[in-house]
PDB file of N, CA and C in Angstrom:
ATOM      1  N   MET A   1     -73.901  -4.452-207.508  1.00  0.00           N
ATOM      2  CA  MET A   1     -74.255  -3.040-207.352  1.00  0.00           C
ATOM      3  C   MET A   1     -73.387  -2.404-206.263  1.00  0.00           C
ATOM      4  N   ASN A   2     -73.195  -1.147-206.423  1.00  0.00           N
ATOM      5  CA  ASN A   2     -72.450  -0.413-205.418  1.00  0.00           C
ATOM      6  C   ASN A   2     -73.284  -0.321-204.139  1.00  0.00           C
ATOM      7  N   LEU A   3     -72.656  -0.524-203.004  1.00  0.00           N
ATOM      8  CA  LEU A   3     -73.362  -0.506-201.719  1.00  0.00           C
ATOM      9  C   LEU A   3     -73.971   0.864-201.436  1.00  0.00           C
ATOM     10  N   HIS A   4     -73.278   1.923-201.821  1.00  0.00           N
ATOM     11  CA  HIS A   4     -73.813   3.265-201.602  1.00  0.00           C
ATOM     12  C   HIS A   4     -75.065   3.508-202.443  1.00  0.00           C
ATOM     13  N   LEU A   5     -75.073   3.011-203.656  1.00  0.00           N
ATOM     14  CA  LEU A   5     -76.246   3.157-204.512  1.00  0.00           C
ATOM     15  C   LEU A   5     -77.427   2.395-203.931  1.00  0.00           C
ATOM     16  N   LEU A   6     -77.174   1.184-203.466  1.00  0.00           N
ATOM     17  CA  LEU A   6     -78.227   0.377-202.861  1.00  0.00           C
ATOM     18  C   LEU A   6     -78.781   1.051-201.607  1.00  0.00           C
ATOM     19  N   ALA A   7     -77.909   1.598-200.771  1.00  0.00           N
ATOM     20  CA  ALA A   7     -78.348   2.295-199.559  1.00  0.00           C
ATOM     21  C   ALA A   7     -79.150   3.545-199.914  1.00  0.00           C
ATOM     22  N   GLY A   8     -78.742   4.262-200.941  1.00  0.00           N
ATOM     23  CA  GLY A   8     -79.475   5.448-201.369  1.00  0.00           C
ATOM     24  C   GLY A   8     -80.870   5.113-201.854  1.00  0.00           C
ATOM     25  N   ILE A   9     -80.995   4.034-202.610  1.00  0.00           N
ATOM     26  CA  ILE A   9     -82.311   3.598-203.085  1.00  0.00           C
ATOM     27  C   ILE A   9     -83.186   3.196-201.907  1.00  0.00           C
ATOM     28  N   ALA A  10     -82.614   2.497-200.929  1.00  0.00           N
ATOM     29  CA  ALA A  10     -83.374   2.080-199.749  1.00  0.00           C
ATOM     30  C   ALA A  10     -83.878   3.298-198.975  1.00  0.00           C
ATOM     31  N   VAL A  11     -83.039   4.306-198.811  1.00  0.00           N
ATOM     32  CA  VAL A  11     -83.447   5.521-198.096  1.00  0.00           C
ATOM     33  C   VAL A  11     -84.566   6.229-198.848  1.00  0.00           C
ATOM     34  N   LEU A  12     -84.463   6.317-200.163  1.00  0.00           N
ATOM     35  CA  LEU A  12     -85.521   6.956-200.942  1.00  0.00           C
ATOM     36  C   LEU A  12     -86.842   6.207-200.811  1.00  0.00           C
ATOM     37  N   LEU A  13     -86.791   4.884-200.837  1.00  0.00           N
ATOM     38  CA  LEU A  13     -88.016   4.098-200.678  1.00  0.00           C
ATOM     39  C   LEU A  13     -88.640   4.315-199.305  1.00  0.00           C
ATOM     40  N   ILE A  14     -87.803   4.398-198.279  1.00  0.00           N
ATOM     41  CA  ILE A  14     -88.318   4.641-196.927  1.00  0.00           C
ATOM     42  C   ILE A  14     -88.967   6.022-196.844  1.00  0.00           C
ATOM     43  N   LEU A  15     -88.330   7.027-197.443  1.00  0.00           N
ATOM     44  CA  LEU A  15     -88.904   8.372-197.421  1.00  0.00           C
ATOM     45  C   LEU A  15     -90.241   8.426-198.157  1.00  0.00           C
ATOM     46  N   VAL A  16     -90.345   7.728-199.271  1.00  0.00           N
ATOM     47  CA  VAL A  16     -91.612   7.689-200.012  1.00  0.00           C
ATOM     48  C   VAL A  16     -92.692   7.004-199.176  1.00  0.00           C
ATOM     49  N   ALA A  17     -92.336   5.911-198.503  1.00  0.00           N
ATOM     50  CA  ALA A  17     -93.308   5.196-197.675  1.00  0.00           C
ATOM     51  C   ALA A  17     -93.771   6.061-196.508  1.00  0.00           C
ATOM     52  N   VAL A  18     -92.856   6.757-195.852  1.00  0.00           N
ATOM     53  CA  VAL A  18     -93.223   7.626-194.727  1.00  0.00           C
ATOM     54  C   VAL A  18     -94.098   8.774-195.205  1.00  0.00           C
ATOM     55  N   SER A  19     -93.784   9.335-196.344  1.00  0.00           N
ATOM     56  CA  SER A  19     -94.584  10.426-196.891  1.00  0.00           C
ATOM     57  C   SER A  19     -96.008   9.962-197.204  1.00  0.00           C
ATOM     58  N   ALA A  20     -96.131   8.794-197.804  1.00  0.00           N
ATOM     59  CA  ALA A  20     -97.458   8.258-198.113  1.00  0.00           C
ATOM     60  C   ALA A  20     -98.232   7.948-196.838  1.00  0.00           C
ATOM     61  N   TYR A  21     -97.544   7.434-195.816  1.00  0.00           N
ATOM     62  CA  TYR A  21     -98.195   7.120-194.539  1.00  0.00           C
ATOM     63  C   TYR A  21     -98.706   8.394-193.866  1.00  0.00           C
ATOM     64  N   ARG A  22     -97.893   9.453-193.872  1.00  0.00           N
ATOM     65  CA  ARG A  22     -98.324  10.713-193.261  1.00  0.00           C
ATOM     66  C   ARG A  22     -99.498  11.310-194.022  1.00  0.00           C
ATOM     67  N   GLU A  23     -99.497  11.202-195.333  1.00  0.00           N
ATOM     68  CA  GLU A  23    -100.609  11.714-196.132  1.00  0.00           C
ATOM     69  C   GLU A  23    -101.885  10.935-195.840  1.00  0.00           C
ATOM     70  N   ALA A  24    -101.756   9.626-195.661  1.00  0.00           N
ATOM     71  CA  ALA A  24    -102.922   8.805-195.334  1.00  0.00           C
ATOM     72  C   ALA A  24    -103.463   9.169-193.956  1.00  0.00           C
ATOM     73  N   LEU A  25    -102.594   9.412-192.995  1.00  0.00           N
ATOM     74  CA  LEU A  25    -103.047   9.804-191.659  1.00  0.00           C
ATOM     75  C   LEU A  25    -103.734  11.160-191.691  1.00  0.00           C
ATOM     76  N   ARG A  26    -103.279  12.036-192.550  1.00  0.00           N
ATOM     77  CA  ARG A  26    -103.881  13.362-192.655  1.00  0.00           C
ATOM     78  C   ARG A  26    -105.319  13.248-193.157  1.00  0.00           C
ATOM     79  N   ASN A  27    -105.616  12.279-193.993  1.00  0.00           N
ATOM     80  CA  ASN A  27    -106.956  12.101-194.550  1.00  0.00           C
ATOM     81  C   ASN A  27    -107.802  11.139-193.727  1.00  0.00           C
ATOM     82  N   GLU A  28    -107.225  10.470-192.742  1.00  0.00           N
ATOM     83  CA  GLU A  28    -107.885   9.369-192.056  1.00  0.00           C
ATOM     84  C   GLU A  28    -108.736   9.733-190.841  1.00  0.00           C
ATOM     85  N   PRO A  29    -108.464  10.777-190.048  1.00  0.00           N
ATOM     86  CA  PRO A  29    -109.129  10.921-188.744  1.00  0.00           C
ATOM     87  C   PRO A  29    -110.647  10.861-188.773  1.00  0.00           C
ATOM     88  N   ILE A  30    -111.298  11.376-189.809  1.00  0.00           N
ATOM     89  CA  ILE A  30    -112.757  11.332-189.860  1.00  0.00           C
ATOM     90  C   ILE A  30    -113.219   9.883-189.961  1.00  0.00           C
ATOM     91  N   ARG A  31    -112.607   9.127-190.844  1.00  0.00           N
ATOM     92  CA  ARG A  31    -112.982   7.723-190.998  1.00  0.00           C
ATOM     93  C   ARG A  31    -112.667   6.929-189.741  1.00  0.00           C
ATOM     94  N   ARG A  32    -111.518   7.211-189.118  1.00  0.00           N
ATOM     95  CA  ARG A  32    -111.120   6.464-187.926  1.00  0.00           C
ATOM     96  C   ARG A  32    -112.116   6.695-186.794  1.00  0.00           C
ATOM     97  N   SER A  33    -112.572   7.942-186.593  1.00  0.00           N
ATOM     98  CA  SER A  33    -113.510   8.220-185.515  1.00  0.00           C
ATOM     99  C   SER A  33    -114.846   7.533-185.790  1.00  0.00           C
ATOM    100  N   ARG A  34    -115.227   7.423-187.050  1.00  0.00           N
ATOM    101  CA  ARG A  34    -116.475   6.726-187.374  1.00  0.00           C
ATOM    102  C   ARG A  34    -116.375   5.236-187.080  1.00  0.00           C
ATOM    103  N   THR A  35    -115.245   4.630-187.379  1.00  0.00           N
ATOM    104  CA  THR A  35    -115.115   3.196-187.127  1.00  0.00           C
ATOM    105  C   THR A  35    -115.041   2.920-185.637  1.00  0.00           C
ATOM    106  N   GLN A  36    -114.380   3.780-184.872  1.00  0.00           N
ATOM    107  CA  GLN A  36    -114.315   3.573-183.428  1.00  0.00           C
ATOM    108  C   GLN A  36    -115.693   3.769-182.810  1.00  0.00           C
ATOM    109  N   ALA A  37    -116.444   4.740-183.282  1.00  0.00           N
ATOM    110  CA  ALA A  37    -117.790   4.947-182.766  1.00  0.00           C
ATOM    111  C   ALA A  37    -118.684   3.773-183.165  1.00  0.00           C
ATOM    112  N   GLY A  38    -118.448   3.191-184.314  1.00  0.00           N
ATOM    113  CA  GLY A  38    -119.243   2.055-184.758  1.00  0.00           C
ATOM    114  C   GLY A  38    -118.974   0.804-183.950  1.00  0.00           C
ATOM    115  N   ARG A  39    -117.789   0.682-183.394  1.00  0.00           N
ATOM    116  CA  ARG A  39    -117.456  -0.485-182.584  1.00  0.00           C
ATOM    117  C   ARG A  39    -118.143  -0.446-181.225  1.00  0.00           C
ATOM    118  N   LEU A  40    -118.382   0.762-180.702  1.00  0.00           N
ATOM    119  CA  LEU A  40    -118.993   0.883-179.382  1.00  0.00           C
ATOM    120  C   LEU A  40    -120.500   0.676-179.492  1.00  0.00           C
ATOM    121  N   PRO A  41    -121.084  -0.039-178.549  1.00  0.00           N
ATOM    122  CA  PRO A  41    -122.547  -0.199-178.581  1.00  0.00           C
ATOM    123  C   PRO A  41    -123.212   1.119-178.196  1.00  0.00           C
ATOM    124  N   PRO A  42    -124.439   1.336-178.629  1.00  0.00           N
ATOM    125  CA  PRO A  42    -125.157   2.559-178.234  1.00  0.00           C
ATOM    126  C   PRO A  42    -125.328   2.615-176.719  1.00  0.00           C
ATOM    127  N   ALA A  43    -125.450   3.816-176.171  1.00  0.00           N
ATOM    128  CA  ALA A  43    -125.524   4.003-174.715  1.00  0.00           C
ATOM    129  C   ALA A  43    -126.756   3.316-174.125  1.00  0.00           C
ATOM    130  N   ASP A  44    -127.856   3.244-174.868  1.00  0.00           N
ATOM    131  CA  ASP A  44    -129.073   2.615-174.343  1.00  0.00           C
ATOM    132  C   ASP A  44    -128.867   1.127-174.089  1.00  0.00           C
ATOM    133  N   GLU A  45    -128.110   0.460-174.928  1.00  0.00           N
ATOM    134  CA  GLU A  45    -127.889  -0.974-174.752  1.00  0.00           C
ATOM    135  C   GLU A  45    -126.920  -1.274-173.617  1.00  0.00           C
ATOM    136  N   VAL A  46    -126.066  -0.328-173.287  1.00  0.00           N
ATOM    137  CA  VAL A  46    -125.073  -0.549-172.236  1.00  0.00           C
ATOM    138  C   VAL A  46    -125.745  -0.584-170.875  1.00  0.00           C
ATOM    139  N   GLU A  47    -126.747   0.247-170.661  1.00  0.00           N
ATOM    140  CA  GLU A  47    -127.378   0.347-169.338  1.00  0.00           C
ATOM    141  C   GLU A  47    -128.248  -0.802-169.008  1.00  0.00           C
TER     142      GLU A  47
END
């Protein structure tokens, strides 16, 4: 295969992966805050 063609395909795959990652982060913050809150013990048990 031509090296330029291979490099172009690699760049396109990276762009698709970054786009999917950014889209996932855009939908994630609500779930992430719930999981972080779930990891912490309730305030009554801490005292």
